[in-house]
Full PDB file with SEQRES, HELIX, SHEET, SSBOND, CRYST1, ORIGX, SCALE, CONECT and MASTER records, all heavy atoms in Angstrom:
SEQRES   1 A   44  ALA ALA LEU ASN ARG LEU ASN GLU ILE VAL GLY ARG ILE          
SEQRES   2 A   44  GLU GLY GLU SER LEU GLU LEU ASP ASP SER LEU ALA LEU          
SEQRES   3 A   44  PHE GLU GLU GLY VAL ARG LEU LEU ARG HIS ALA GLU GLY          
SEQRES   4 A   44  VAL LEU GLU GLY ALA                                          
HELIX    1 AA1 ALA A    2  GLY A   15  1                                  14    
HELIX    2 AA2 LEU A   20  GLY A   43  1                                  24    
CRYST1    1.000    1.000    1.000  90.00  90.00  90.00 P 1           1          
ORIGX1      1.000000  0.000000  0.000000        0.00000                         
ORIGX2      0.000000  1.000000  0.000000        0.00000                         
ORIGX3      0.000000  0.000000  1.000000        0.00000                         
SCALE1      1.000000  0.000000  0.000000        0.00000                         
SCALE2      0.000000  1.000000  0.000000        0.00000                         
SCALE3      0.000000  0.000000  1.000000        0.00000                         
ATOM      1  N   ALA A   1     -80.400 118.359  76.357  1.00  0.00           N  
ATOM      2  CA  ALA A   1     -79.660 119.180  75.397  1.00  0.00           C  
ATOM      3  C   ALA A   1     -78.920 118.304  74.394  1.00  0.00           C  
ATOM      4  O   ALA A   1     -78.859 118.624  73.205  1.00  0.00           O  
ATOM      5  CB  ALA A   1     -78.683 120.099  76.133  1.00  0.00           C  
ATOM      6  N   ALA A   2     -78.373 117.179  74.868  1.00  0.00           N  
ATOM      7  CA  ALA A   2     -77.674 116.258  73.965  1.00  0.00           C  
ATOM      8  C   ALA A   2     -78.641 115.691  72.934  1.00  0.00           C  
ATOM      9  O   ALA A   2     -78.328 115.627  71.732  1.00  0.00           O  
ATOM     10  CB  ALA A   2     -77.006 115.137  74.763  1.00  0.00           C  
ATOM     11  N   LEU A   3     -79.845 115.284  73.384  1.00  0.00           N  
ATOM     12  CA  LEU A   3     -80.836 114.745  72.446  1.00  0.00           C  
ATOM     13  C   LEU A   3     -81.286 115.795  71.435  1.00  0.00           C  
ATOM     14  O   LEU A   3     -81.430 115.493  70.244  1.00  0.00           O  
ATOM     15  CB  LEU A   3     -82.047 114.203  73.200  1.00  0.00           C  
ATOM     16  CG  LEU A   3     -81.863 112.899  73.945  1.00  0.00           C  
ATOM     17  CD1 LEU A   3     -83.189 112.458  74.565  1.00  0.00           C  
ATOM     18  CD2 LEU A   3     -81.330 111.807  73.044  1.00  0.00           C  
ATOM     19  N   ASN A   4     -81.490 117.021  71.907  1.00  0.00           N  
ATOM     20  CA  ASN A   4     -81.892 118.089  70.991  1.00  0.00           C  
ATOM     21  C   ASN A   4     -80.828 118.334  69.935  1.00  0.00           C  
ATOM     22  O   ASN A   4     -81.136 118.484  68.746  1.00  0.00           O  
ATOM     23  CB  ASN A   4     -82.183 119.377  71.762  1.00  0.00           C  
ATOM     24  CG  ASN A   4     -83.477 119.311  72.531  1.00  0.00           C  
ATOM     25  OD1 ASN A   4     -84.377 118.543  72.206  1.00  0.00           O  
ATOM     26  ND2 ASN A   4     -83.574 120.126  73.567  1.00  0.00           N  
ATOM     27  N   ARG A   5     -79.571 118.378  70.364  1.00  0.00           N  
ATOM     28  CA  ARG A   5     -78.479 118.608  69.408  1.00  0.00           C  
ATOM     29  C   ARG A   5     -78.355 117.426  68.452  1.00  0.00           C  
ATOM     30  O   ARG A   5     -78.110 117.619  67.254  1.00  0.00           O  
ATOM     31  CB  ARG A   5     -77.159 118.868  70.158  1.00  0.00           C  
ATOM     32  CG  ARG A   5     -75.985 119.124  69.254  1.00  0.00           C  
ATOM     33  CD  ARG A   5     -76.162 120.383  68.404  1.00  0.00           C  
ATOM     34  NE  ARG A   5     -75.022 120.530  67.529  1.00  0.00           N  
ATOM     35  CZ  ARG A   5     -75.072 120.986  66.290  1.00  0.00           C  
ATOM     36  NH1 ARG A   5     -76.219 121.408  65.780  1.00  0.00           N  
ATOM     37  NH2 ARG A   5     -73.982 121.071  65.554  1.00  0.00           N  
ATOM     38  N   LEU A   6     -78.524 116.202  68.946  1.00  0.00           N  
ATOM     39  CA  LEU A   6     -78.490 115.033  68.059  1.00  0.00           C  
ATOM     40  C   LEU A   6     -79.568 115.134  66.986  1.00  0.00           C  
ATOM     41  O   LEU A   6     -79.312 114.832  65.813  1.00  0.00           O  
ATOM     42  CB  LEU A   6     -78.671 113.742  68.862  1.00  0.00           C  
ATOM     43  CG  LEU A   6     -77.429 113.202  69.542  1.00  0.00           C  
ATOM     44  CD1 LEU A   6     -77.792 112.123  70.552  1.00  0.00           C  
ATOM     45  CD2 LEU A   6     -76.443 112.659  68.517  1.00  0.00           C  
ATOM     46  N   ASN A   7     -80.759 115.567  67.367  1.00  0.00           N  
ATOM     47  CA  ASN A   7     -81.834 115.745  66.380  1.00  0.00           C  
ATOM     48  C   ASN A   7     -81.470 116.804  65.346  1.00  0.00           C  
ATOM     49  O   ASN A   7     -81.744 116.635  64.150  1.00  0.00           O  
ATOM     50  CB  ASN A   7     -83.151 116.098  67.074  1.00  0.00           C  
ATOM     51  CG  ASN A   7     -83.818 114.896  67.680  1.00  0.00           C  
ATOM     52  OD1 ASN A   7     -83.773 113.806  67.125  1.00  0.00           O  
ATOM     53  ND2 ASN A   7     -84.443 115.083  68.825  1.00  0.00           N  
ATOM     54  N   GLU A   8     -80.836 117.889  65.789  1.00  0.00           N  
ATOM     55  CA  GLU A   8     -80.386 118.927  64.855  1.00  0.00           C  
ATOM     56  C   GLU A   8     -79.361 118.358  63.875  1.00  0.00           C  
ATOM     57  O   GLU A   8     -79.415 118.631  62.669  1.00  0.00           O  
ATOM     58  CB  GLU A   8     -79.758 120.093  65.609  1.00  0.00           C  
ATOM     59  CG  GLU A   8     -80.727 120.929  66.410  1.00  0.00           C  
ATOM     60  CD  GLU A   8     -80.004 121.976  67.260  1.00  0.00           C  
ATOM     61  OE1 GLU A   8     -78.789 122.185  67.085  1.00  0.00           O  
ATOM     62  OE2 GLU A   8     -80.674 122.572  68.117  1.00  0.00           O  
ATOM     63  N   ILE A   9     -78.420 117.594  64.413  1.00  0.00           N  
ATOM     64  CA  ILE A   9     -77.362 117.021  63.573  1.00  0.00           C  
ATOM     65  C   ILE A   9     -77.955 116.086  62.534  1.00  0.00           C  
ATOM     66  O   ILE A   9     -77.611 116.162  61.341  1.00  0.00           O  
ATOM     67  CB  ILE A   9     -76.320 116.294  64.451  1.00  0.00           C  
ATOM     68  CG1 ILE A   9     -75.505 117.321  65.243  1.00  0.00           C  
ATOM     69  CG2 ILE A   9     -75.414 115.394  63.613  1.00  0.00           C  
ATOM     70  CD1 ILE A   9     -74.625 116.721  66.323  1.00  0.00           C  
ATOM     71  N   VAL A  10     -78.857 115.209  62.946  1.00  0.00           N  
ATOM     72  CA  VAL A  10     -79.488 114.279  62.003  1.00  0.00           C  
ATOM     73  C   VAL A  10     -80.230 115.055  60.924  1.00  0.00           C  
ATOM     74  O   VAL A  10     -80.122 114.746  59.727  1.00  0.00           O  
ATOM     75  CB  VAL A  10     -80.435 113.303  62.739  1.00  0.00           C  
ATOM     76  CG1 VAL A  10     -81.294 112.524  61.750  1.00  0.00           C  
ATOM     77  CG2 VAL A  10     -79.637 112.350  63.624  1.00  0.00           C  
ATOM     78  N   GLY A  11     -80.960 116.089  61.325  1.00  0.00           N  
ATOM     79  CA  GLY A  11     -81.681 116.901  60.348  1.00  0.00           C  
ATOM     80  C   GLY A  11     -80.760 117.548  59.337  1.00  0.00           C  
ATOM     81  O   GLY A  11     -81.059 117.584  58.141  1.00  0.00           O  
ATOM     82  N   ARG A  12     -79.635 118.063  59.814  1.00  0.00           N  
ATOM     83  CA  ARG A  12     -78.685 118.704  58.891  1.00  0.00           C  
ATOM     84  C   ARG A  12     -78.058 117.684  57.953  1.00  0.00           C  
ATOM     85  O   ARG A  12     -77.928 117.937  56.745  1.00  0.00           O  
ATOM     86  CB  ARG A  12     -77.589 119.429  59.666  1.00  0.00           C  
ATOM     87  CG  ARG A  12     -78.099 120.728  60.275  1.00  0.00           C  
ATOM     88  CD  ARG A  12     -76.987 121.625  60.711  1.00  0.00           C  
ATOM     89  NE  ARG A  12     -76.143 122.008  59.587  1.00  0.00           N  
ATOM     90  CZ  ARG A  12     -74.899 122.465  59.724  1.00  0.00           C  
ATOM     91  NH1 ARG A  12     -74.367 122.603  60.924  1.00  0.00           N  
ATOM     92  NH2 ARG A  12     -74.186 122.791  58.669  1.00  0.00           N  
ATOM     93  N   ILE A  13     -77.649 116.549  58.487  1.00  0.00           N  
ATOM     94  CA  ILE A  13     -76.996 115.538  57.637  1.00  0.00           C  
ATOM     95  C   ILE A  13     -77.981 115.002  56.606  1.00  0.00           C  
ATOM     96  O   ILE A  13     -77.625 114.808  55.440  1.00  0.00           O  
ATOM     97  CB  ILE A  13     -76.395 114.403  58.494  1.00  0.00           C  
ATOM     98  CG1 ILE A  13     -75.180 114.935  59.268  1.00  0.00           C  
ATOM     99  CG2 ILE A  13     -76.007 113.207  57.634  1.00  0.00           C  
ATOM    100  CD1 ILE A  13     -74.591 113.958  60.270  1.00  0.00           C  
ATOM    101  N   GLU A  14     -79.226 114.766  57.024  1.00  0.00           N  
ATOM    102  CA  GLU A  14     -80.227 114.228  56.095  1.00  0.00           C  
ATOM    103  C   GLU A  14     -80.759 115.277  55.121  1.00  0.00           C  
ATOM    104  O   GLU A  14     -81.095 114.951  53.994  1.00  0.00           O  
ATOM    105  CB  GLU A  14     -81.406 113.643  56.878  1.00  0.00           C  
ATOM    106  CG  GLU A  14     -81.095 112.361  57.584  1.00  0.00           C  
ATOM    107  CD  GLU A  14     -82.281 111.800  58.343  1.00  0.00           C  
ATOM    108  OE1 GLU A  14     -83.280 112.509  58.565  1.00  0.00           O  
ATOM    109  OE2 GLU A  14     -82.197 110.617  58.714  1.00  0.00           O  
ATOM    110  N   GLY A  15     -80.821 116.529  55.544  1.00  0.00           N  
ATOM    111  CA  GLY A  15     -81.511 117.528  54.749  1.00  0.00           C  
ATOM    112  C   GLY A  15     -80.652 118.468  53.947  1.00  0.00           C  
ATOM    113  O   GLY A  15     -81.144 119.120  53.048  1.00  0.00           O  
ATOM    114  N   GLU A  16     -79.390 118.566  54.277  1.00  0.00           N  
ATOM    115  CA  GLU A  16     -78.535 119.531  53.589  1.00  0.00           C  
ATOM    116  C   GLU A  16     -77.493 118.828  52.726  1.00  0.00           C  
ATOM    117  O   GLU A  16     -77.100 117.710  53.006  1.00  0.00           O  
ATOM    118  CB  GLU A  16     -77.809 120.417  54.621  1.00  0.00           C  
ATOM    119  CG  GLU A  16     -78.730 121.295  55.432  1.00  0.00           C  
ATOM    120  CD  GLU A  16     -77.967 122.180  56.408  1.00  0.00           C  
ATOM    121  OE1 GLU A  16     -76.803 122.517  56.131  1.00  0.00           O  
ATOM    122  OE2 GLU A  16     -78.543 122.511  57.443  1.00  0.00           O  
ATOM    123  N   SER A  17     -77.071 119.528  51.717  1.00  0.00           N  
ATOM    124  CA  SER A  17     -75.964 119.051  50.909  1.00  0.00           C  
ATOM    125  C   SER A  17     -74.690 119.627  51.527  1.00  0.00           C  
ATOM    126  O   SER A  17     -74.381 120.806  51.332  1.00  0.00           O  
ATOM    127  CB  SER A  17     -76.132 119.521  49.459  1.00  0.00           C  
ATOM    128  OG  SER A  17     -75.030 119.099  48.692  1.00  0.00           O  
ATOM    129  N   LEU A  18     -74.012 118.807  52.299  1.00  0.00           N  
ATOM    130  CA  LEU A  18     -72.846 119.268  53.045  1.00  0.00           C  
ATOM    131  C   LEU A  18     -71.555 118.770  52.411  1.00  0.00           C  
ATOM    132  O   LEU A  18     -71.524 117.718  51.773  1.00  0.00           O  
ATOM    133  CB  LEU A  18     -72.915 118.753  54.497  1.00  0.00           C  
ATOM    134  CG  LEU A  18     -74.110 119.187  55.320  1.00  0.00           C  
ATOM    135  CD1 LEU A  18     -74.147 118.411  56.631  1.00  0.00           C  
ATOM    136  CD2 LEU A  18     -74.036 120.673  55.600  1.00  0.00           C  
ATOM    137  N   GLU A  19     -70.508 119.526  52.624  1.00  0.00           N  
ATOM    138  CA  GLU A  19     -69.173 119.076  52.242  1.00  0.00           C  
ATOM    139  C   GLU A  19     -68.815 117.876  53.112  1.00  0.00           C  
ATOM    140  O   GLU A  19     -69.304 117.737  54.239  1.00  0.00           O  
ATOM    141  CB  GLU A  19     -68.145 120.196  52.468  1.00  0.00           C  
ATOM    142  CG  GLU A  19     -68.366 121.422  51.621  1.00  0.00           C  
ATOM    143  CD  GLU A  19     -68.010 121.185  50.162  1.00  0.00           C  
ATOM    144  OE1 GLU A  19     -67.041 120.429  49.907  1.00  0.00           O  
ATOM    145  OE2 GLU A  19     -68.690 121.749  49.296  1.00  0.00           O  
ATOM    146  N   LEU A  20     -67.942 117.030  52.614  1.00  0.00           N  
ATOM    147  CA  LEU A  20     -67.541 115.830  53.349  1.00  0.00           C  
ATOM    148  C   LEU A  20     -66.979 116.186  54.722  1.00  0.00           C  
ATOM    149  O   LEU A  20     -67.346 115.567  55.730  1.00  0.00           O  
ATOM    150  CB  LEU A  20     -66.512 115.024  52.544  1.00  0.00           C  
ATOM    151  CG  LEU A  20     -65.999 113.751  53.215  1.00  0.00           C  
ATOM    152  CD1 LEU A  20     -67.148 112.791  53.506  1.00  0.00           C  
ATOM    153  CD2 LEU A  20     -64.943 113.091  52.351  1.00  0.00           C  
ATOM    154  N   ASP A  21     -66.121 117.190  54.800  1.00  0.00           N  
ATOM    155  CA  ASP A  21     -65.530 117.581  56.080  1.00  0.00           C  
ATOM    156  C   ASP A  21     -66.597 118.032  57.075  1.00  0.00           C  
ATOM    157  O   ASP A  21     -66.529 117.707  58.259  1.00  0.00           O  
ATOM    158  CB  ASP A  21     -64.496 118.698  55.894  1.00  0.00           C  
ATOM    159  CG  ASP A  21     -63.217 118.205  55.238  1.00  0.00           C  
ATOM    160  OD1 ASP A  21     -62.976 116.983  55.238  1.00  0.00           O  
ATOM    161  OD2 ASP A  21     -62.451 119.057  54.734  1.00  0.00           O  
ATOM    162  N   ASP A  22     -67.593 118.764  56.598  1.00  0.00           N  
ATOM    163  CA  ASP A  22     -68.677 119.210  57.470  1.00  0.00           C  
ATOM    164  C   ASP A  22     -69.507 118.027  57.959  1.00  0.00           C  
ATOM    165  O   ASP A  22     -69.879 117.961  59.124  1.00  0.00           O  
ATOM    166  CB  ASP A  22     -69.573 120.217  56.754  1.00  0.00           C  
ATOM    167  CG  ASP A  22     -68.850 121.516  56.433  1.00  0.00           C  
ATOM    168  OD1 ASP A  22     -67.881 121.856  57.148  1.00  0.00           O  
ATOM    169  OD2 ASP A  22     -69.260 122.191  55.467  1.00  0.00           O  
ATOM    170  N   SER A  23     -69.800 117.090  57.047  1.00  0.00           N  
ATOM    171  CA  SER A  23     -70.560 115.895  57.426  1.00  0.00           C  
ATOM    172  C   SER A  23     -69.811 115.082  58.464  1.00  0.00           C  
ATOM    173  O   SER A  23     -70.398 114.607  59.440  1.00  0.00           O  
ATOM    174  CB  SER A  23     -70.834 115.018  56.204  1.00  0.00           C  
ATOM    175  OG  SER A  23     -71.697 115.664  55.307  1.00  0.00           O  
ATOM    176  N   LEU A  24     -68.510 114.905  58.259  1.00  0.00           N  
ATOM    177  CA  LEU A  24     -67.704 114.142  59.216  1.00  0.00           C  
ATOM    178  C   LEU A  24     -67.644 114.827  60.575  1.00  0.00           C  
ATOM    179  O   LEU A  24     -67.731 114.172  61.623  1.00  0.00           O  
ATOM    180  CB  LEU A  24     -66.294 113.923  58.679  1.00  0.00           C  
ATOM    181  CG  LEU A  24     -66.152 112.864  57.598  1.00  0.00           C  
ATOM    182  CD1 LEU A  24     -64.740 112.863  57.024  1.00  0.00           C  
ATOM    183  CD2 LEU A  24     -66.505 111.497  58.144  1.00  0.00           C  
ATOM    184  N   ALA A  25     -67.516 116.149  60.582  1.00  0.00           N  
ATOM    185  CA  ALA A  25     -67.469 116.892  61.846  1.00  0.00           C  
ATOM    186  C   ALA A  25     -68.793 116.734  62.601  1.00  0.00           C  
ATOM    187  O   ALA A  25     -68.799 116.518  63.816  1.00  0.00           O  
ATOM    188  CB  ALA A  25     -67.163 118.365  61.593  1.00  0.00           C  
ATOM    189  N   LEU A  26     -69.905 116.827  61.881  1.00  0.00           N  
ATOM    190  CA  LEU A  26     -71.206 116.647  62.520  1.00  0.00           C  
ATOM    191  C   LEU A  26     -71.374 115.215  63.019  1.00  0.00           C  
ATOM    192  O   LEU A  26     -71.900 114.981  64.114  1.00  0.00           O  
ATOM    193  CB  LEU A  26     -72.336 116.999  61.550  1.00  0.00           C  
ATOM    194  CG  LEU A  26     -72.551 118.479  61.291  1.00  0.00           C  
ATOM    195  CD1 LEU A  26     -73.543 118.678  60.145  1.00  0.00           C  
ATOM    196  CD2 LEU A  26     -73.043 119.175  62.554  1.00  0.00           C  
ATOM    197  N   PHE A  27     -70.924 114.254  62.217  1.00  0.00           N  
ATOM    198  CA  PHE A  27     -71.008 112.854  62.623  1.00  0.00           C  
ATOM    199  C   PHE A  27     -70.199 112.609  63.894  1.00  0.00           C  
ATOM    200  O   PHE A  27     -70.670 111.958  64.833  1.00  0.00           O  
ATOM    201  CB  PHE A  27     -70.532 111.942  61.489  1.00  0.00           C  
ATOM    202  CG  PHE A  27     -70.653 110.485  61.822  1.00  0.00           C  
ATOM    203  CD1 PHE A  27     -71.877 109.842  61.745  1.00  0.00           C  
ATOM    204  CD2 PHE A  27     -69.539 109.758  62.219  1.00  0.00           C  
ATOM    205  CE1 PHE A  27     -71.995 108.494  62.048  1.00  0.00           C  
ATOM    206  CE2 PHE A  27     -69.647 108.411  62.530  1.00  0.00           C  
ATOM    207  CZ  PHE A  27     -70.881 107.782  62.436  1.00  0.00           C  
ATOM    208  N   GLU A  28     -68.984 113.147  63.948  1.00  0.00           N  
ATOM    209  CA  GLU A  28     -68.139 113.000  65.136  1.00  0.00           C  
ATOM    210  C   GLU A  28     -68.808 113.614  66.358  1.00  0.00           C  
ATOM    211  O   GLU A  28     -68.800 113.022  67.447  1.00  0.00           O  
ATOM    212  CB  GLU A  28     -66.777 113.650  64.913  1.00  0.00           C  
ATOM    213  CG  GLU A  28     -65.884 112.876  63.985  1.00  0.00           C  
ATOM    214  CD  GLU A  28     -64.570 113.585  63.702  1.00  0.00           C  
ATOM    215  OE1 GLU A  28     -64.193 114.507  64.450  1.00  0.00           O  
ATOM    216  OE2 GLU A  28     -63.917 113.201  62.715  1.00  0.00           O  
ATOM    217  N   GLU A  29     -69.395 114.791  66.203  1.00  0.00           N  
ATOM    218  CA  GLU A  29     -70.101 115.427  67.310  1.00  0.00           C  
ATOM    219  C   GLU A  29     -71.283 114.562  67.752  1.00  0.00           C  
ATOM    220  O   GLU A  29     -71.532 114.382  68.947  1.00  0.00           O  
ATOM    221  CB  GLU A  29     -70.594 116.820  66.904  1.00  0.00           C  
ATOM    222  CG  GLU A  29     -71.310 117.538  68.026  1.00  0.00           C  
ATOM    223  CD  GLU A  29     -71.892 118.879  67.615  1.00  0.00           C  
ATOM    224  OE1 GLU A  29     -71.715 119.312  66.461  1.00  0.00           O  
ATOM    225  OE2 GLU A  29     -72.546 119.499  68.481  1.00  0.00           O  
ATOM    226  N   GLY A  30     -71.993 114.008  66.780  1.00  0.00           N  
ATOM    227  CA  GLY A  30     -73.129 113.142  67.091  1.00  0.00           C  
ATOM    228  C   GLY A  30     -72.725 111.898  67.866  1.00  0.00           C  
ATOM    229  O   GLY A  30     -73.387 111.509  68.824  1.00  0.00           O  
ATOM    230  N   VAL A  31     -71.621 111.286  67.465  1.00  0.00           N  
ATOM    231  CA  VAL A  31     -71.129 110.092  68.177  1.00  0.00           C  
ATOM    232  C   VAL A  31     -70.756 110.458  69.613  1.00  0.00           C  
ATOM    233  O   VAL A  31     -71.099 109.742  70.561  1.00  0.00           O  
ATOM    234  CB  VAL A  31     -69.941 109.447  67.431  1.00  0.00           C  
ATOM    235  CG1 VAL A  31     -69.258 108.402  68.286  1.00  0.00           C  
ATOM    236  CG2 VAL A  31     -70.408 108.844  66.114  1.00  0.00           C  
ATOM    237  N   ARG A  32     -70.093 111.595  69.789  1.00  0.00           N  
ATOM    238  CA  ARG A  32     -69.711 112.042  71.134  1.00  0.00           C  
ATOM    239  C   ARG A  32     -70.954 112.273  71.994  1.00  0.00           C  
ATOM    240  O   ARG A  32     -71.029 111.831  73.140  1.00  0.00           O  
ATOM    241  CB  ARG A  32     -68.878 113.321  71.052  1.00  0.00           C  
ATOM    242  CG  ARG A  32     -68.409 113.832  72.410  1.00  0.00           C  
ATOM    243  CD  ARG A  32     -67.662 115.148  72.295  1.00  0.00           C  
ATOM    244  NE  ARG A  32     -68.409 116.209  71.639  1.00  0.00           N  
ATOM    245  CZ  ARG A  32     -69.384 116.920  72.221  1.00  0.00           C  
ATOM    246  NH1 ARG A  32     -69.739 116.684  73.451  1.00  0.00           N  
ATOM    247  NH2 ARG A  32     -70.001 117.875  71.548  1.00  0.00           N  
ATOM    248  N   LEU A  33     -71.951 112.942  71.428  1.00  0.00           N  
ATOM    249  CA  LEU A  33     -73.189 113.204  72.161  1.00  0.00           C  
ATOM    250  C   LEU A  33     -73.947 111.917  72.477  1.00  0.00           C  
ATOM    251  O   LEU A  33     -74.509 111.769  73.568  1.00  0.00           O  
ATOM    252  CB  LEU A  33     -74.085 114.160  71.368  1.00  0.00           C  
ATOM    253  CG  LEU A  33     -73.602 115.597  71.301  1.00  0.00           C  
ATOM    254  CD1 LEU A  33     -74.380 116.363  70.232  1.00  0.00           C  
ATOM    255  CD2 LEU A  33     -73.731 116.275  72.651  1.00  0.00           C  
ATOM    256  N   LEU A  34     -73.966 110.992  71.538  1.00  0.00           N  
ATOM    257  CA  LEU A  34     -74.644 109.712  71.757  1.00  0.00           C  
ATOM    258  C   LEU A  34     -73.984 108.945  72.902  1.00  0.00           C  
ATOM    259  O   LEU A  34     -74.668 108.414  73.785  1.00  0.00           O  
ATOM    260  CB  LEU A  34     -74.637 108.883  70.479  1.00  0.00           C  
ATOM    261  CG  LEU A  34     -75.340 107.533  70.551  1.00  0.00           C  
ATOM    262  CD1 LEU A  34     -76.806 107.704  70.918  1.00  0.00           C  
ATOM    263  CD2 LEU A  34     -75.187 106.801  69.236  1.00  0.00           C  
ATOM    264  N   ARG A  35     -72.666 108.911  72.908  1.00  0.00           N  
ATOM    265  CA  ARG A  35     -71.947 108.218  73.995  1.00  0.00           C  
ATOM    266  C   ARG A  35     -72.222 108.891  75.339  1.00  0.00           C  
ATOM    267  O   ARG A  35     -72.401 108.218  76.352  1.00  0.00           O  
ATOM    268  CB  ARG A  35     -70.457 108.181  73.703  1.00  0.00           C  
ATOM    269  CG  ARG A  35     -70.125 107.219  72.576  1.00  0.00           C  
ATOM    270  CD  ARG A  35     -68.651 107.166  72.298  1.00  0.00           C  
ATOM    271  NE  ARG A  35     -68.395 106.215  71.224  1.00  0.00           N  
ATOM    272  CZ  ARG A  35     -67.383 106.285  70.395  1.00  0.00           C  
ATOM    273  NH1 ARG A  35     -66.487 107.258  70.515  1.00  0.00           N  
ATOM    274  NH2 ARG A  35     -67.218 105.383  69.458  1.00  0.00           N  
ATOM    275  N   HIS A  36     -72.262 110.215  75.336  1.00  0.00           N  
ATOM    276  CA  HIS A  36     -72.566 110.947  76.566  1.00  0.00           C  
ATOM    277  C   HIS A  36     -73.975 110.604  77.051  1.00  0.00           C  
ATOM    278  O   HIS A  36     -74.176 110.309  78.234  1.00  0.00           O  
ATOM    279  CB  HIS A  36     -72.429 112.454  76.332  1.00  0.00           C  
ATOM    280  CG  HIS A  36     -72.944 113.278  77.465  1.00  0.00           C  
ATOM    281  ND1 HIS A  36     -72.297 113.365  78.677  1.00  0.00           N  
ATOM    282  CD2 HIS A  36     -74.071 114.021  77.570  1.00  0.00           C  
ATOM    283  CE1 HIS A  36     -73.003 114.143  79.489  1.00  0.00           C  
ATOM    284  NE2 HIS A  36     -74.077 114.547  78.839  1.00  0.00           N  
ATOM    285  N   ALA A  37     -74.957 110.629  76.143  1.00  0.00           N  
ATOM    286  CA  ALA A  37     -76.340 110.335  76.513  1.00  0.00           C  
ATOM    287  C   ALA A  37     -76.482 108.901  77.030  1.00  0.00           C  
ATOM    288  O   ALA A  37     -77.187 108.657  78.011  1.00  0.00           O  
ATOM    289  CB  ALA A  37     -77.269 110.568  75.319  1.00  0.00           C  
ATOM    290  N   GLU A  38     -75.790 107.957  76.400  1.00  0.00           N  
ATOM    291  CA  GLU A  38     -75.815 106.574  76.877  1.00  0.00           C  
ATOM    292  C   GLU A  38     -75.229 106.475  78.285  1.00  0.00           C  
ATOM    293  O   GLU A  38     -75.753 105.750  79.132  1.00  0.00           O  
ATOM    294  CB  GLU A  38     -75.036 105.659  75.929  1.00  0.00           C  
ATOM    295  CG  GLU A  38     -75.750 105.387  74.631  1.00  0.00           C  
ATOM    296  CD  GLU A  38     -74.919 104.571  73.648  1.00  0.00           C  
ATOM    297  OE1 GLU A  38     -73.668 104.571  73.755  1.00  0.00           O  
ATOM    298  OE2 GLU A  38     -75.520 103.937  72.775  1.00  0.00           O  
ATOM    299  N   GLY A  39     -74.160 107.214  78.542  1.00  0.00           N  
ATOM    300  CA  GLY A  39     -73.560 107.222  79.876  1.00  0.00           C  
ATOM    301  C   GLY A  39     -74.504 107.787  80.921  1.00  0.00           C  
ATOM    302  O   GLY A  39     -74.589 107.267  82.040  1.00  0.00           O  
ATOM    303  N   VAL A  40     -75.223 108.849  80.553  1.00  0.00           N  
ATOM    304  CA  VAL A  40     -76.197 109.435  81.479  1.00  0.00           C  
ATOM    305  C   VAL A  40     -77.294 108.420  81.793  1.00  0.00           C  
ATOM    306  O   VAL A  40     -77.680 108.245  82.951  1.00  0.00           O  
ATOM    307  CB  VAL A  40     -76.799 110.736  80.896  1.00  0.00           C  
ATOM    308  CG1 VAL A  40     -77.962 111.223  81.734  1.00  0.00           C  
ATOM    309  CG2 VAL A  40     -75.723 111.811  80.787  1.00  0.00           C  
ATOM    310  N   LEU A  41     -77.787 107.718  80.773  1.00  0.00           N  
ATOM    311  CA  LEU A  41     -78.829 106.713  80.985  1.00  0.00           C  
ATOM    312  C   LEU A  41     -78.321 105.559  81.849  1.00  0.00           C  
ATOM    313  O   LEU A  41     -79.033 105.080  82.732  1.00  0.00           O  
ATOM    314  CB  LEU A  41     -79.341 106.173  79.648  1.00  0.00           C  
ATOM    315  CG  LEU A  41     -80.225 107.112  78.846  1.00  0.00           C  
ATOM    316  CD1 LEU A  41     -80.569 106.490  77.502  1.00  0.00           C  
ATOM    317  CD2 LEU A  41     -81.480 107.459  79.612  1.00  0.00           C  
ATOM    318  N   GLU A  42     -77.094 105.111  81.602  1.00  0.00           N  
ATOM    319  CA  GLU A  42     -76.529 104.038  82.414  1.00  0.00           C  
ATOM    320  C   GLU A  42     -76.389 104.474  83.872  1.00  0.00           C  
ATOM    321  O   GLU A  42     -76.663 103.701  84.788  1.00  0.00           O  
ATOM    322  CB  GLU A  42     -75.175 103.602  81.857  1.00  0.00           C  
ATOM    323  CG  GLU A  42     -75.283 102.818  80.572  1.00  0.00           C  
ATOM    324  CD  GLU A  42     -73.935 102.537  79.931  1.00  0.00           C  
ATOM    325  OE1 GLU A  42     -72.884 102.834  80.542  1.00  0.00           O  
ATOM    326  OE2 GLU A  42     -73.940 102.021  78.799  1.00  0.00           O  
ATOM    327  N   GLY A  43     -75.979 105.725  84.083  1.00  0.00           N  
ATOM    328  CA  GLY A  43     -75.868 106.251  85.439  1.00  0.00           C  
ATOM    329  C   GLY A  43     -77.221 106.319  86.132  1.00  0.00           C  
ATOM    330  O   GLY A  43     -77.349 105.982  87.316  1.00  0.00           O  
ATOM    331  N   ALA A  44     -78.237 106.742  85.398  1.00  0.00           N  
ATOM    332  CA  ALA A  44     -79.590 106.815  85.964  1.00  0.00           C  
ATOM    333  C   ALA A  44     -80.094 105.419  86.308  1.00  0.00           C  
ATOM    334  O   ALA A  44     -80.691 105.210  87.368  1.00  0.00           O  
ATOM    335  CB  ALA A  44     -80.536 107.505  84.980  1.00  0.00           C  
TER     336      ALA A  44                                                      
MASTER        0    0    0    2    0    0    0    6  335    1    0    4          
END                                                                             
């Protein structure tokens, strides 16, 4: 689910003309998800 959401976020940031606040919010969510996914991989 984290990887799927990360792909959605990248698609939105790359494909849409977003307000700065929206881009930053998506970026922050992406960083959180990336750290979570890295933690899951390290645990595995």
